[in-house]
Amino acid sequence: MPDSSLTERLSRLMAHIDDRLAHDAEDSNAGLDVATLAGLAGWSVWHFHRQFSAACGVAVGRYVQLLRLKRAAWRLAFRQDSVIAIALDAGYGSPEAFARAFRSVCGQSPSAFRSRPDWLGWLQAFDAARAARSRTMTQTPVADQVHIVDFPATPVAVLAHRGDPTRLADSIRAFIAWRRSVGLPPAKSTTFNVLRSGPPGEVLPADFAIDLCAATVEPIAPNPAGVVAGLIPAGRCAVLRHVGSDDALEALARWLYVQWLPASGEALRDFPLFVERVRFFPDVPEREAVTDLFLPLA
């Protein structure tokens, strides 16, 4: 089978799995039985197991389990929902069943993960599924999807993360806690990320750099989190909207730099690419998250 055909089938299949997990929590297995998934892919059940595992590096049952638990892990780490609510929303009939599944993937109980997440263990457990999604669930933008705007000067609160990208989630937790403490939730304060380095796989861990930002004109008092005042400067920007998982963001940013920019005749301004988080995972399912990429132009 040609690679393009395999990729198309897997992309369609993964979109179906995302849709079922996003909207069928009360019947967590609806449309996720092996016969249905194999039929959607156009394979026999026997071939389906082998094709999926060979292409994605993980068995389909494990892949579905990882997706169930990813949103649960993010909610445990970054939100204040009860463990029972998270377990039920993830499709588990009881907190005990959820805890067993969560420990089998993360090596921690849900309460231990909430208190002190082992992010390296989680990232390693999810790596095969993430890699499969990055390869297959990619967008191919066209120039018409990019528009140019005059971005206004935007004062922001900034928590700068520098170094090991596996510790980024700890910085996010600290920034969220600070925002709660000063009354700056996303509903009141637009969320930005300024990408000051290349993606984690393309720079040395020590060189990884990202600014976590929340729009505010209020003065920022000294604080243990290290949040300081900053500014996203005014200027022209090319904007590309992405709907879906963050797994596609690196490819979309690369497309802006490598394909759109040379063809556009535009030149870059001396400020890095940044994103606005319009709709958030885990508050919405990954396929419903909305992120705007801003490429600063001269």
Protein backbone atom coordinates (compact mmCIF):
# COMPACT_ATOMS: atom_id res chain seq x y z
CA MET A 1 0.00 0.00 0.00
CA PRO A 2 1.43 3.46 -0.83
CA ASP A 3 2.49 5.52 2.14
CA SER A 4 0.01 8.28 1.24
CA SER A 5 -2.86 5.78 1.36
CA LEU A 6 -1.73 4.46 4.73
CA THR A 7 -1.36 7.96 6.13
CA GLU A 8 -4.81 8.95 4.86
CA ARG A 9 -6.42 5.90 6.46
CA LEU A 10 -4.66 6.44 9.78
CA SER A 11 -5.51 10.14 9.80
CA ARG A 12 -9.19 9.35 9.21
CA LEU A 13 -9.08 6.69 11.92
CA MET A 14 -7.39 8.93 14.48
CA ALA A 15 -9.90 11.71 13.81
CA HIS A 16 -12.70 9.22 14.45
CA ILE A 17 -11.10 8.10 17.73
CA ASP A 18 -10.68 11.72 18.83
CA ASP A 19 -14.31 12.45 18.02
CA ARG A 20 -15.62 9.47 19.97
CA LEU A 21 -13.45 10.23 23.00
CA ALA A 22 -14.46 13.89 22.91
CA HIS A 23 -18.20 13.38 22.78
CA ASP A 24 -19.05 9.91 24.09
CA ALA A 25 -17.84 9.87 27.70
CA GLU A 26 -21.09 8.24 28.85
CA ASP A 27 -20.54 5.32 26.46
CA SER A 28 -16.76 5.29 26.38
CA ASN A 29 -16.51 2.38 23.95
CA ALA A 30 -19.00 3.73 21.39
CA GLY A 31 -17.46 3.35 17.95
CA LEU A 32 -14.13 2.23 19.39
CA ASP A 33 -14.48 -1.54 19.08
CA VAL A 34 -11.86 -3.18 16.91
CA ALA A 35 -14.35 -4.28 14.22
CA THR A 36 -15.60 -0.69 13.75
CA LEU A 37 -12.09 0.76 13.67
CA ALA A 38 -10.87 -1.89 11.23
CA GLY A 39 -13.85 -1.19 8.97
CA LEU A 40 -13.14 2.53 8.97
CA ALA A 41 -9.55 1.84 7.96
CA GLY A 42 -10.63 -0.61 5.25
CA TRP A 43 -8.75 -3.60 6.70
CA SER A 44 -9.69 -6.94 8.15
CA VAL A 45 -9.40 -7.14 11.93
CA TRP A 46 -6.32 -9.34 11.55
CA HIS A 47 -4.55 -6.86 9.26
CA PHE A 48 -5.77 -3.85 11.23
CA HIS A 49 -3.95 -4.81 14.42
CA ARG A 50 -0.70 -5.34 12.58
CA GLN A 51 -0.93 -2.31 10.30
CA PHE A 52 -1.79 0.05 13.14
CA SER A 53 0.96 -1.25 15.44
CA ALA A 54 3.57 -1.21 12.68
CA ALA A 55 2.71 2.31 11.54
CA CYS A 56 2.12 3.90 14.95
CA GLY A 57 4.53 2.01 17.19
CA VAL A 58 1.75 1.21 19.67
CA ALA A 59 -1.22 -1.17 19.71
CA VAL A 60 -4.59 0.44 19.01
CA GLY A 61 -5.95 -0.45 22.46
CA ARG A 62 -2.98 1.21 24.13
CA TYR A 63 -3.31 4.22 21.82
CA VAL A 64 -6.95 4.74 22.83
CA GLN A 65 -6.04 4.33 26.51
CA LEU A 66 -3.27 6.93 26.23
CA LEU A 67 -5.64 9.45 24.68
CA ARG A 68 -8.19 8.84 27.45
CA LEU A 69 -5.55 9.42 30.07
CA LYS A 70 -3.78 12.39 28.46
CA ARG A 71 -6.63 14.81 29.04
CA ALA A 72 -7.11 13.32 32.50
CA ALA A 73 -3.44 13.94 33.31
CA TRP A 74 -3.61 17.55 32.11
CA ARG A 75 -6.74 18.15 34.19
CA LEU A 76 -5.10 16.62 37.26
CA ALA A 77 -2.01 18.78 36.82
CA PHE A 78 -3.51 22.07 35.65
CA ARG A 79 -7.14 22.17 36.82
CA GLN A 80 -8.94 21.76 40.13
CA ASP A 81 -11.60 19.22 39.07
CA SER A 82 -12.20 16.31 41.43
CA VAL A 83 -10.55 12.97 40.71
CA ILE A 84 -13.99 11.35 40.52
CA ALA A 85 -15.17 13.81 37.87
CA ILE A 86 -11.98 13.34 35.86
CA ALA A 87 -12.29 9.54 36.09
CA LEU A 88 -15.90 9.54 34.87
CA ASP A 89 -15.20 12.02 32.06
CA ALA A 90 -12.30 9.81 30.92
CA GLY A 91 -14.74 6.91 30.49
CA TYR A 92 -13.91 4.92 33.62
CA GLY A 93 -16.73 3.51 35.70
CA SER A 94 -15.04 4.08 39.04
CA PRO A 95 -12.11 5.97 40.58
CA GLU A 96 -10.48 2.60 41.29
CA ALA A 97 -10.52 1.53 37.63
CA PHE A 98 -9.20 4.95 36.64
CA ALA A 99 -6.42 4.77 39.23
CA ARG A 100 -5.31 1.33 38.01
CA ALA A 101 -5.19 2.48 34.40
CA PHE A 102 -3.46 5.74 35.27
CA ARG A 103 -0.80 3.99 37.35
CA SER A 104 -0.17 1.47 34.55
CA VAL A 105 0.75 4.35 32.21
CA CYS A 106 2.31 6.96 34.48
CA GLY A 107 3.68 4.87 37.33
CA GLN A 108 1.87 7.16 39.78
CA SER A 109 -1.56 7.27 41.33
CA PRO A 110 -3.77 10.16 40.17
CA SER A 111 -3.39 11.90 43.55
CA ALA A 112 0.40 11.52 43.50
CA PHE A 113 0.53 12.84 39.94
CA ARG A 114 -1.60 15.83 40.92
CA SER A 115 0.72 16.59 43.83
CA ARG A 116 4.06 16.03 42.07
CA PRO A 117 3.80 14.93 38.42
CA ASP A 118 6.51 12.74 36.93
CA TRP A 119 6.41 14.50 33.57
CA LEU A 120 9.38 12.63 32.15
CA GLY A 121 7.65 9.31 32.80
CA TRP A 122 4.43 10.59 31.27
CA LEU A 123 6.17 11.99 28.17
CA GLN A 124 7.99 8.71 27.63
CA ALA A 125 4.75 6.73 27.97
CA PHE A 126 2.94 8.94 25.48
CA ASP A 127 5.81 9.34 23.03
CA ALA A 128 4.74 6.65 20.56
CA ALA A 129 1.19 8.00 20.33
CA ARG A 130 2.45 11.59 20.01
CA ALA A 131 4.87 10.61 17.25
CA ALA A 132 2.13 8.75 15.37
CA ARG A 133 -0.20 11.75 15.56
CA SER A 134 2.54 14.13 14.42
CA ARG A 135 3.20 11.95 11.36
CA THR A 136 -0.39 11.36 10.33
CA MET A 137 -2.64 14.14 11.66
CA THR A 138 -0.91 17.00 9.89
CA GLN A 139 -2.54 19.96 8.19
CA THR A 140 -1.39 21.14 4.77
CA PRO A 141 -2.12 24.87 4.89
CA VAL A 142 -2.52 27.05 1.84
CA ALA A 143 -1.52 30.68 1.48
CA ASP A 144 -5.16 31.82 1.57
CA GLN A 145 -5.38 30.66 5.19
CA VAL A 146 -2.79 33.25 6.22
CA HIS A 147 -3.85 36.83 6.75
CA ILE A 148 -1.86 39.87 7.81
CA VAL A 149 -2.92 41.97 10.80
CA ASP A 150 -1.62 44.97 12.70
CA PHE A 151 -1.05 43.50 16.13
CA PRO A 152 -1.42 46.09 18.92
CA ALA A 153 1.22 46.57 21.61
CA THR A 154 0.12 44.20 24.38
CA PRO A 155 1.42 44.46 27.96
CA VAL A 156 1.72 41.00 29.47
CA ALA A 157 2.70 39.18 32.62
CA VAL A 158 5.59 36.85 31.74
CA LEU A 159 6.94 33.67 33.25
CA ALA A 160 10.09 32.79 31.30
CA HIS A 161 10.87 29.09 31.01
CA ARG A 162 14.48 28.41 30.13
CA GLY A 163 16.14 25.03 29.83
CA ASP A 164 14.93 21.42 29.97
CA PRO A 165 11.65 21.20 28.00
CA THR A 166 10.53 18.22 30.06
CA ARG A 167 10.12 20.67 32.96
CA LEU A 168 7.92 23.07 30.98
CA ALA A 169 4.78 21.63 32.57
CA ASP A 170 6.09 22.63 36.00
CA SER A 171 6.45 26.20 34.77
CA ILE A 172 2.91 26.06 33.39
CA ARG A 173 1.62 24.87 36.77
CA ALA A 174 3.43 27.73 38.52
CA PHE A 175 2.08 30.28 36.03
CA ILE A 176 -1.50 28.99 36.38
CA ALA A 177 -1.21 29.15 40.17
CA TRP A 178 0.04 32.75 39.95
CA ARG A 179 -2.81 33.71 37.61
CA ARG A 180 -5.34 32.26 40.05
CA SER A 181 -3.74 34.12 42.94
CA VAL A 182 -4.09 37.51 41.20
CA GLY A 183 -7.45 36.90 39.51
CA LEU A 184 -6.24 36.67 35.91
CA PRO A 185 -7.97 33.59 34.47
CA PRO A 186 -7.99 33.07 30.69
CA ALA A 187 -11.57 34.37 30.55
CA LYS A 188 -10.27 37.79 31.66
CA SER A 189 -6.74 37.75 30.30
CA THR A 190 -5.65 36.55 26.85
CA THR A 191 -3.00 33.83 26.94
CA PHE A 192 0.10 33.96 24.73
CA ASN A 193 3.25 31.88 24.35
CA VAL A 194 6.36 33.52 22.85
CA LEU A 195 8.54 30.86 21.21
CA ARG A 196 12.05 32.16 21.76
CA SER A 197 13.86 29.03 20.56
CA GLY A 198 13.26 26.21 18.14
CA PRO A 199 11.11 23.25 19.21
CA PRO A 200 12.46 20.81 21.82
CA GLY A 201 13.69 18.29 19.26
CA GLU A 202 15.66 20.90 17.32
CA VAL A 203 17.59 22.69 20.08
CA LEU A 204 19.72 21.50 22.96
CA PRO A 205 17.68 21.16 26.16
CA ALA A 206 19.72 23.93 27.77
CA ASP A 207 18.80 26.29 24.90
CA PHE A 208 15.05 25.70 24.96
CA ALA A 209 13.20 28.96 25.72
CA ILE A 210 9.54 29.97 25.86
CA ASP A 211 7.67 32.82 27.57
CA LEU A 212 4.30 32.06 29.16
CA CYS A 213 2.25 35.25 28.96
CA ALA A 214 -1.08 36.65 30.13
CA ALA A 215 -2.31 40.02 28.90
CA THR A 216 -2.62 42.59 31.68
CA VAL A 217 -2.04 46.30 32.23
CA GLU A 218 -1.93 45.88 36.01
CA PRO A 219 1.37 46.31 37.87
CA ILE A 220 2.97 43.01 38.85
CA ALA A 221 4.15 42.70 42.42
CA PRO A 222 7.25 40.66 43.25
CA ASN A 223 6.22 37.03 43.55
CA PRO A 224 7.78 33.61 44.25
CA ALA A 225 6.85 32.32 40.80
CA GLY A 226 9.13 34.85 39.11
CA VAL A 227 6.41 36.45 36.99
CA VAL A 228 7.44 39.87 35.66
CA ALA A 229 6.00 42.56 33.39
CA GLY A 230 6.66 42.32 29.68
CA LEU A 231 5.40 43.50 26.30
CA ILE A 232 4.49 41.89 23.00
CA PRO A 233 5.31 44.80 20.66
CA ALA A 234 3.03 46.27 18.06
CA GLY A 235 3.59 45.45 14.43
CA ARG A 236 2.44 43.61 11.35
CA CYS A 237 2.02 39.85 11.73
CA ALA A 238 1.07 36.97 9.49
CA VAL A 239 -1.58 34.90 11.28
CA LEU A 240 -2.44 31.24 10.74
CA ARG A 241 -5.22 29.64 12.77
CA HIS A 242 -4.84 26.02 13.87
CA VAL A 243 -7.75 23.94 15.17
CA GLY A 244 -6.64 20.75 16.88
CA SER A 245 -3.80 19.25 18.84
CA ASP A 246 -0.52 20.99 19.65
CA ASP A 247 1.16 18.01 17.97
CA ALA A 248 0.79 19.86 14.65
CA LEU A 249 2.16 23.24 15.76
CA GLU A 250 5.82 22.56 14.94
CA ALA A 251 4.96 21.56 11.38
CA LEU A 252 2.73 24.61 10.90
CA ALA A 253 5.40 26.98 12.22
CA ARG A 254 7.94 25.39 9.89
CA TRP A 255 5.53 25.82 6.95
CA LEU A 256 5.18 29.53 7.74
CA TYR A 257 8.95 30.04 7.76
CA VAL A 258 9.99 27.70 4.94
CA GLN A 259 7.11 27.91 2.46
CA TRP A 260 4.78 30.82 3.12
CA LEU A 261 7.40 33.49 3.92
CA PRO A 262 9.60 33.12 0.79
CA ALA A 263 6.52 33.00 -1.46
CA SER A 264 4.92 36.02 0.22
CA GLY A 265 7.74 38.47 -0.45
CA GLU A 266 7.52 39.59 3.19
CA ALA A 267 10.47 40.00 5.56
CA LEU A 268 10.75 39.10 9.23
CA ARG A 269 10.69 41.54 12.11
CA ASP A 270 13.06 41.16 15.06
CA PHE A 271 10.62 39.38 17.35
CA PRO A 272 10.02 35.62 17.58
CA LEU A 273 6.96 33.72 16.50
CA PHE A 274 4.25 33.71 19.17
CA VAL A 275 0.89 32.04 19.62
CA GLU A 276 -2.42 33.03 21.17
CA ARG A 277 -4.31 30.28 22.95
CA VAL A 278 -7.91 30.93 21.92
CA ARG A 279 -9.49 27.70 23.20
CA PHE A 280 -7.61 25.49 25.64
CA PHE A 281 -6.89 21.81 26.05
CA PRO A 282 -7.81 20.31 28.53
CA ASP A 283 -10.82 22.63 28.94
CA VAL A 284 -11.90 21.42 25.50
CA PRO A 285 -10.91 18.18 23.73
CA GLU A 286 -7.68 18.41 21.75
CA ARG A 287 -9.44 18.38 18.38
CA GLU A 288 -11.45 21.47 19.46
CA ALA A 289 -8.51 23.53 20.74
CA VAL A 290 -7.86 26.75 18.79
CA THR A 291 -4.43 28.35 18.49
CA ASP A 292 -3.42 31.36 16.39
CA LEU A 293 0.21 31.48 15.19
CA PHE A 294 1.64 35.00 14.73
CA LEU A 295 4.73 35.49 12.59
CA PRO A 296 6.04 39.07 13.10
CA LEU A 297 6.74 40.90 9.82
CA ALA A 298 8.76 43.97 8.93
